[in-house]
Amino acid sequence: MDKRLQQFLDAENISQSQLADTLGVARAGISHILSGRNRPGFDFLEAMALHYPQVSMDWLLTGKGRMYKDTAPAIAENPVFAPKQPPRRVSKILVFYDDNTFEEFQ
């Protein structure tokens, strides 16, 4: 994962310290992950998923797939539609004039 995290930093053009500050984790923690000394914990992975939702967690964790998720909007499998309303027709029109009179048309 250390190489993929470095690829992400390079792709986003951000430094280790910027990533640490964004995620709210210790700067040394990022350094330890990149050096291979430590593996990322749940808090780190959760923060990555929340702050960088465009990054594929599958890619980050396993190296499978692409770095970034597909940007096409998701289509709901079971969309909810409002019931069809019958067509409406105009039944009455009121016209008000400035001399305080009105006309009604049906």
C-alpha atoms as a PDB file:
ATOM      1  CA  MET A   1       0.000   0.000   0.000  1.00  0.00           C
ATOM      2  CA  ASP A   2       2.940   2.339   0.542  1.00  0.00           C
ATOM      3  CA  LYS A   3       3.556   2.624  -3.207  1.00  0.00           C
ATOM      4  CA  ARG A   4      -0.116   3.261  -3.941  1.00  0.00           C
ATOM      5  CA  LEU A   5      -0.320   5.946  -1.279  1.00  0.00           C
ATOM      6  CA  GLN A   6       2.735   7.622  -2.841  1.00  0.00           C
ATOM      7  CA  GLN A   7       1.063   7.384  -6.265  1.00  0.00           C
ATOM      8  CA  PHE A   8      -1.997   9.084  -4.788  1.00  0.00           C
ATOM      9  CA  LEU A   9       0.108  11.887  -3.305  1.00  0.00           C
ATOM     10  CA  ASP A  10       1.823  12.389  -6.659  1.00  0.00           C
ATOM     11  CA  ALA A  11      -1.471  12.341  -8.583  1.00  0.00           C
ATOM     12  CA  GLU A  12      -3.073  14.872  -6.225  1.00  0.00           C
ATOM     13  CA  ASN A  13       0.137  16.923  -6.026  1.00  0.00           C
ATOM     14  CA  ILE A  14       0.012  17.072  -2.227  1.00  0.00           C
ATOM     15  CA  SER A  15       2.698  16.500   0.368  1.00  0.00           C
ATOM     16  CA  GLN A  16       2.713  13.986   3.195  1.00  0.00           C
ATOM     17  CA  SER A  17       2.132  16.773   5.706  1.00  0.00           C
ATOM     18  CA  GLN A  18      -0.803  18.182   3.708  1.00  0.00           C
ATOM     19  CA  LEU A  19      -2.404  14.737   3.636  1.00  0.00           C
ATOM     20  CA  ALA A  20      -1.844  14.277   7.373  1.00  0.00           C
ATOM     21  CA  ASP A  21      -3.389  17.670   8.136  1.00  0.00           C
ATOM     22  CA  THR A  22      -6.380  17.000   5.872  1.00  0.00           C
ATOM     23  CA  LEU A  23      -7.027  13.594   7.421  1.00  0.00           C
ATOM     24  CA  GLY A  24      -6.335  14.732  10.963  1.00  0.00           C
ATOM     25  CA  VAL A  25      -3.644  12.119  11.537  1.00  0.00           C
ATOM     26  CA  ALA A  26      -0.079  12.417  12.796  1.00  0.00           C
ATOM     27  CA  ARG A  27       2.441  13.430  10.157  1.00  0.00           C
ATOM     28  CA  ALA A  28       4.775  10.709  11.377  1.00  0.00           C
ATOM     29  CA  GLY A  29       2.016   8.186  10.767  1.00  0.00           C
ATOM     30  CA  ILE A  30       1.951   9.037   7.059  1.00  0.00           C
ATOM     31  CA  SER A  31       5.719   8.793   6.922  1.00  0.00           C
ATOM     32  CA  HIS A  32       5.655   5.379   8.607  1.00  0.00           C
ATOM     33  CA  ILE A  33       3.053   4.085   6.147  1.00  0.00           C
ATOM     34  CA  LEU A  34       5.054   5.353   3.163  1.00  0.00           C
ATOM     35  CA  SER A  35       8.259   3.782   4.441  1.00  0.00           C
ATOM     36  CA  GLY A  36       6.498   0.442   4.940  1.00  0.00           C
ATOM     37  CA  ARG A  37       7.179   0.483   8.674  1.00  0.00           C
ATOM     38  CA  ASN A  38       3.478   0.562   9.614  1.00  0.00           C
ATOM     39  CA  ARG A  39       0.253  -0.445   7.972  1.00  0.00           C
ATOM     40  CA  PRO A  40      -2.614   2.025   7.980  1.00  0.00           C
ATOM     41  CA  GLY A  41      -5.220   1.636  10.680  1.00  0.00           C
ATOM     42  CA  PHE A  42      -8.969   1.896  10.446  1.00  0.00           C
ATOM     43  CA  ASP A  43      -8.985   5.604  11.385  1.00  0.00           C
ATOM     44  CA  PHE A  44      -6.621   6.407   8.517  1.00  0.00           C
ATOM     45  CA  LEU A  45      -8.642   4.392   5.994  1.00  0.00           C
ATOM     46  CA  GLU A  46     -11.927   5.869   7.183  1.00  0.00           C
ATOM     47  CA  ALA A  47     -10.519   9.401   6.907  1.00  0.00           C
ATOM     48  CA  MET A  48      -9.250   8.659   3.386  1.00  0.00           C
ATOM     49  CA  ALA A  49     -12.690   7.393   2.339  1.00  0.00           C
ATOM     50  CA  LEU A  50     -14.421  10.460   3.809  1.00  0.00           C
ATOM     51  CA  HIS A  51     -12.019  13.135   2.560  1.00  0.00           C
ATOM     52  CA  TYR A  52     -11.238  11.597  -0.824  1.00  0.00           C
ATOM     53  CA  PRO A  53     -14.442   9.830  -1.933  1.00  0.00           C
ATOM     54  CA  GLN A  54     -13.232   9.819  -5.529  1.00  0.00           C
ATOM     55  CA  VAL A  55     -10.401   7.411  -4.629  1.00  0.00           C
ATOM     56  CA  SER A  56     -11.174   3.720  -5.000  1.00  0.00           C
ATOM     57  CA  MET A  57     -10.608   2.022  -1.672  1.00  0.00           C
ATOM     58  CA  ASP A  58     -10.250  -1.295  -3.535  1.00  0.00           C
ATOM     59  CA  TRP A  59      -7.330   0.165  -5.414  1.00  0.00           C
ATOM     60  CA  LEU A  60      -5.796   1.692  -2.305  1.00  0.00           C
ATOM     61  CA  LEU A  61      -6.044  -1.515  -0.272  1.00  0.00           C
ATOM     62  CA  THR A  62      -5.416  -4.206  -2.879  1.00  0.00           C
ATOM     63  CA  GLY A  63      -4.078  -2.490  -5.978  1.00  0.00           C
ATOM     64  CA  LYS A  64      -6.963  -3.830  -8.057  1.00  0.00           C
ATOM     65  CA  GLY A  65      -8.787  -1.559 -10.445  1.00  0.00           C
ATOM     66  CA  ARG A  66      -8.182   2.117 -11.004  1.00  0.00           C
ATOM     67  CA  MET A  67      -7.065   4.790  -8.569  1.00  0.00           C
ATOM     68  CA  TYR A  68     -10.184   6.880  -9.093  1.00  0.00           C
ATOM     69  CA  LYS A  69     -13.761   5.736  -9.128  1.00  0.00           C
ATOM     70  CA  ASP A  70     -15.820   6.174 -12.252  1.00  0.00           C
ATOM     71  CA  THR A  71     -17.117   9.746 -12.307  1.00  0.00           C
ATOM     72  CA  ALA A  72     -20.361   8.878 -14.114  1.00  0.00           C
ATOM     73  CA  PRO A  73     -23.374   9.442 -11.876  1.00  0.00           C
ATOM     74  CA  ALA A  74     -24.852   6.315 -10.399  1.00  0.00           C
ATOM     75  CA  ILE A  75     -28.276   5.287 -11.627  1.00  0.00           C
ATOM     76  CA  ALA A  76     -30.646   3.920  -9.054  1.00  0.00           C
ATOM     77  CA  GLU A  77     -31.590   0.319  -9.701  1.00  0.00           C
ATOM     78  CA  ASN A  78     -35.120   0.771  -8.370  1.00  0.00           C
ATOM     79  CA  PRO A  79     -36.005   4.406  -8.960  1.00  0.00           C
ATOM     80  CA  VAL A  80     -39.031   5.736  -7.160  1.00  0.00           C
ATOM     81  CA  PHE A  81     -41.461   7.599  -9.370  1.00  0.00           C
ATOM     82  CA  ALA A  82     -44.323   9.762  -8.262  1.00  0.00           C
ATOM     83  CA  PRO A  83     -47.709   8.440  -9.357  1.00  0.00           C
ATOM     84  CA  LYS A  84     -48.935   9.928 -12.623  1.00  0.00           C
ATOM     85  CA  GLN A  85     -51.361  12.762 -12.154  1.00  0.00           C
ATOM     86  CA  PRO A  86     -54.230  13.201 -14.607  1.00  0.00           C
ATOM     87  CA  PRO A  87     -53.779  16.209 -16.895  1.00  0.00           C
ATOM     88  CA  ARG A  88     -55.128  19.416 -15.415  1.00  0.00           C
ATOM     89  CA  ARG A  89     -57.416  21.789 -17.304  1.00  0.00           C
ATOM     90  CA  VAL A  90     -58.100  25.446 -16.645  1.00  0.00           C
ATOM     91  CA  SER A  91     -61.602  25.914 -15.243  1.00  0.00           C
ATOM     92  CA  LYS A  92     -61.650  29.618 -14.380  1.00  0.00           C
ATOM     93  CA  ILE A  93     -59.603  32.759 -15.074  1.00  0.00           C
ATOM     94  CA  LEU A  94     -59.933  35.936 -13.049  1.00  0.00           C
ATOM     95  CA  VAL A  95     -58.627  39.236 -14.421  1.00  0.00           C
ATOM     96  CA  PHE A  96     -58.270  42.112 -11.967  1.00  0.00           C
ATOM     97  CA  TYR A  97     -58.118  45.687 -13.268  1.00  0.00           C
ATOM     98  CA  ASP A  98     -56.579  48.757 -11.645  1.00  0.00           C
ATOM     99  CA  ASP A  99     -60.022  50.348 -11.179  1.00  0.00           C
ATOM    100  CA  ASN A 100     -60.861  47.566  -8.699  1.00  0.00           C
ATOM    101  CA  THR A 101     -63.083  45.673 -11.119  1.00  0.00           C
ATOM    102  CA  PHE A 102     -62.588  42.139 -12.398  1.00  0.00           C
ATOM    103  CA  GLU A 103     -63.821  39.732 -15.027  1.00  0.00           C
ATOM    104  CA  GLU A 104     -64.323  36.044 -14.635  1.00  0.00           C
ATOM    105  CA  PHE A 105     -63.909  33.668 -17.576  1.00  0.00           C
ATOM    106  CA  GLN A 106     -64.999  30.037 -17.495  1.00  0.00           C
END
